[in-house]
């Protein structure tokens, strides 16, 4: 299931998994992108069922 994600979305997922209180700004800075794409990546993660809550996302991402 995780194979259906782009490299960037996997990176976003891992950042959230490693820090469940990370902000969009912090994610954007870590990846060297603007906040707008971060929002799009997180929405895509939600649509694909990888992001329901930050706690659950952390647990899911750590399985991979």
N, C-alpha and C. Protein backbone atom coordinates (compact mmCIF):
# COMPACT_ATOMS: atom_id res chain seq x y z
N UNK A 1 0.82 -1.19 0.00
CA UNK A 1 0.00 0.00 0.00
C UNK A 1 0.86 1.26 0.00
N UNK A 2 1.96 1.26 0.74
CA UNK A 2 2.83 2.43 0.79
C UNK A 2 3.51 2.66 -0.55
N UNK A 3 3.59 1.62 -1.39
CA UNK A 3 4.23 1.76 -2.70
C UNK A 3 3.43 2.67 -3.63
N UNK A 4 2.17 2.92 -3.32
CA UNK A 4 1.34 3.79 -4.16
C UNK A 4 1.63 5.27 -3.91
N UNK A 5 2.47 5.58 -2.95
CA UNK A 5 2.79 6.97 -2.64
C UNK A 5 4.02 7.43 -3.41
N UNK A 6 4.02 8.72 -3.76
CA UNK A 6 5.20 9.30 -4.39
C UNK A 6 6.31 9.42 -3.34
N UNK A 7 7.52 9.63 -3.83
CA UNK A 7 8.66 9.81 -2.92
C UNK A 7 8.40 10.96 -1.95
N UNK A 8 7.89 12.05 -2.47
CA UNK A 8 7.66 13.24 -1.64
C UNK A 8 6.60 12.96 -0.58
N UNK A 9 5.53 12.25 -0.94
CA UNK A 9 4.48 11.96 0.04
C UNK A 9 5.00 11.02 1.12
N UNK A 10 5.88 10.11 0.75
CA UNK A 10 6.51 9.25 1.76
C UNK A 10 7.34 10.09 2.72
N UNK A 11 8.05 11.10 2.17
CA UNK A 11 8.85 11.99 3.02
C UNK A 11 7.97 12.77 3.99
N UNK A 12 6.86 13.27 3.50
CA UNK A 12 5.92 14.00 4.37
C UNK A 12 5.40 13.07 5.46
N UNK A 13 5.03 11.87 5.08
CA UNK A 13 4.52 10.89 6.03
C UNK A 13 5.55 10.58 7.11
N UNK A 14 6.80 10.41 6.71
CA UNK A 14 7.86 10.11 7.67
C UNK A 14 8.11 11.28 8.62
N UNK A 15 8.06 12.50 8.09
CA UNK A 15 8.24 13.67 8.95
C UNK A 15 7.15 13.74 10.01
N UNK A 16 5.92 13.48 9.61
CA UNK A 16 4.81 13.48 10.57
C UNK A 16 4.96 12.34 11.56
N UNK A 17 5.40 11.18 11.08
CA UNK A 17 5.57 10.03 11.96
C UNK A 17 6.63 10.29 13.02
N UNK A 18 7.68 11.01 12.64
CA UNK A 18 8.77 11.29 13.56
C UNK A 18 8.47 12.43 14.52
N UNK A 19 7.49 13.26 14.17
CA UNK A 19 7.13 14.40 15.02
C UNK A 19 5.66 14.72 14.78
N UNK A 20 4.80 14.18 15.59
CA UNK A 20 3.36 14.34 15.38
C UNK A 20 2.86 15.76 15.62
N UNK A 21 3.71 16.64 16.13
CA UNK A 21 3.32 18.04 16.32
C UNK A 21 3.95 18.96 15.29
N UNK A 22 4.58 18.39 14.27
CA UNK A 22 5.23 19.20 13.24
C UNK A 22 4.19 20.04 12.49
N UNK A 23 4.57 21.26 12.15
CA UNK A 23 3.67 22.16 11.45
C UNK A 23 3.91 22.07 9.94
N UNK A 24 2.96 22.61 9.17
CA UNK A 24 3.13 22.67 7.71
C UNK A 24 4.39 23.46 7.38
N UNK A 25 4.64 24.53 8.11
CA UNK A 25 5.82 25.36 7.87
C UNK A 25 7.09 24.55 8.09
N UNK A 26 7.13 23.78 9.16
CA UNK A 26 8.31 22.96 9.45
C UNK A 26 8.51 21.87 8.40
N UNK A 27 7.41 21.28 7.94
CA UNK A 27 7.50 20.27 6.88
C UNK A 27 8.05 20.91 5.61
N UNK A 28 7.51 22.07 5.26
CA UNK A 28 7.95 22.79 4.07
C UNK A 28 9.44 23.12 4.15
N UNK A 29 9.88 23.61 5.29
CA UNK A 29 11.30 23.95 5.47
C UNK A 29 12.18 22.71 5.37
N UNK A 30 11.75 21.62 5.97
CA UNK A 30 12.55 20.38 5.94
C UNK A 30 12.70 19.84 4.52
N UNK A 31 11.67 20.06 3.70
CA UNK A 31 11.69 19.54 2.33
C UNK A 31 12.13 20.57 1.30
N UNK A 32 12.28 21.81 1.73
CA UNK A 32 12.70 22.87 0.81
C UNK A 32 11.63 23.24 -0.20
N UNK A 33 10.36 23.21 0.25
CA UNK A 33 9.23 23.56 -0.61
C UNK A 33 8.35 24.57 0.12
N UNK A 34 7.34 25.09 -0.58
CA UNK A 34 6.37 25.99 0.04
C UNK A 34 5.31 25.20 0.80
N UNK A 35 4.53 25.92 1.61
CA UNK A 35 3.48 25.27 2.38
C UNK A 35 2.33 24.75 1.53
N UNK A 36 2.07 25.40 0.40
CA UNK A 36 0.96 24.98 -0.47
C UNK A 36 1.11 23.52 -0.93
N UNK A 37 2.28 23.11 -1.42
CA UNK A 37 2.44 21.70 -1.79
C UNK A 37 2.32 20.76 -0.59
N UNK A 38 2.73 21.22 0.58
CA UNK A 38 2.59 20.40 1.78
C UNK A 38 1.12 20.09 2.01
N UNK A 39 0.29 21.11 1.89
CA UNK A 39 -1.15 20.93 2.05
C UNK A 39 -1.68 19.92 1.04
N UNK A 40 -1.23 20.02 -0.21
CA UNK A 40 -1.67 19.09 -1.25
C UNK A 40 -1.22 17.67 -0.95
N UNK A 41 0.00 17.51 -0.47
CA UNK A 41 0.50 16.17 -0.13
C UNK A 41 -0.29 15.57 1.02
N UNK A 42 -0.58 16.37 2.03
CA UNK A 42 -1.34 15.86 3.17
C UNK A 42 -2.76 15.51 2.77
N UNK A 43 -3.36 16.32 1.92
CA UNK A 43 -4.71 15.99 1.43
C UNK A 43 -4.70 14.68 0.64
N UNK A 44 -3.65 14.47 -0.16
CA UNK A 44 -3.53 13.21 -0.91
C UNK A 44 -3.36 12.03 0.05
N UNK A 45 -2.59 12.23 1.11
CA UNK A 45 -2.41 11.17 2.11
C UNK A 45 -3.74 10.84 2.79
N UNK A 46 -4.54 11.86 3.04
CA UNK A 46 -5.87 11.64 3.64
C UNK A 46 -6.75 10.86 2.68
N UNK A 47 -6.76 11.27 1.41
CA UNK A 47 -7.58 10.61 0.41
C UNK A 47 -7.22 9.13 0.26
N UNK A 48 -5.94 8.83 0.35
CA UNK A 48 -5.47 7.44 0.19
C UNK A 48 -5.55 6.64 1.51
N UNK A 49 -5.98 7.31 2.58
CA UNK A 49 -6.17 6.62 3.84
C UNK A 49 -4.93 6.50 4.70
N UNK A 50 -3.87 7.25 4.37
CA UNK A 50 -2.65 7.20 5.16
C UNK A 50 -2.64 8.20 6.30
N UNK A 51 -3.57 9.13 6.26
CA UNK A 51 -3.59 10.18 7.27
C UNK A 51 -5.00 10.32 7.81
N UNK A 52 -5.19 9.84 9.02
CA UNK A 52 -6.48 10.02 9.68
C UNK A 52 -6.31 10.93 10.89
N UNK A 53 -5.24 10.71 11.60
CA UNK A 53 -4.84 11.59 12.69
C UNK A 53 -3.33 11.53 12.77
N UNK A 54 -2.74 12.52 13.37
CA UNK A 54 -1.27 12.51 13.44
C UNK A 54 -0.76 11.31 14.22
N UNK A 55 -1.45 10.92 15.26
CA UNK A 55 -1.02 9.77 16.05
C UNK A 55 -1.07 8.50 15.22
N UNK A 56 -2.20 8.29 14.53
CA UNK A 56 -2.35 7.09 13.71
C UNK A 56 -1.38 7.09 12.54
N UNK A 57 -1.12 8.26 11.98
CA UNK A 57 -0.16 8.36 10.88
C UNK A 57 1.22 7.94 11.34
N UNK A 58 1.59 8.38 12.52
CA UNK A 58 2.88 7.98 13.07
C UNK A 58 2.99 6.49 13.23
N UNK A 59 1.95 5.86 13.72
CA UNK A 59 1.96 4.42 13.91
C UNK A 59 2.02 3.69 12.57
N UNK A 60 1.27 4.17 11.60
CA UNK A 60 1.24 3.54 10.27
C UNK A 60 2.59 3.68 9.58
N UNK A 61 3.13 4.89 9.55
CA UNK A 61 4.39 5.14 8.85
C UNK A 61 5.54 4.35 9.46
N UNK A 62 5.52 4.18 10.77
CA UNK A 62 6.59 3.44 11.42
C UNK A 62 6.55 1.94 11.11
N UNK A 63 5.46 1.46 10.54
CA UNK A 63 5.38 0.05 10.14
C UNK A 63 6.18 -0.18 8.87
N UNK A 64 6.48 0.86 8.13
CA UNK A 64 7.16 0.73 6.84
C UNK A 64 8.55 1.19 6.99
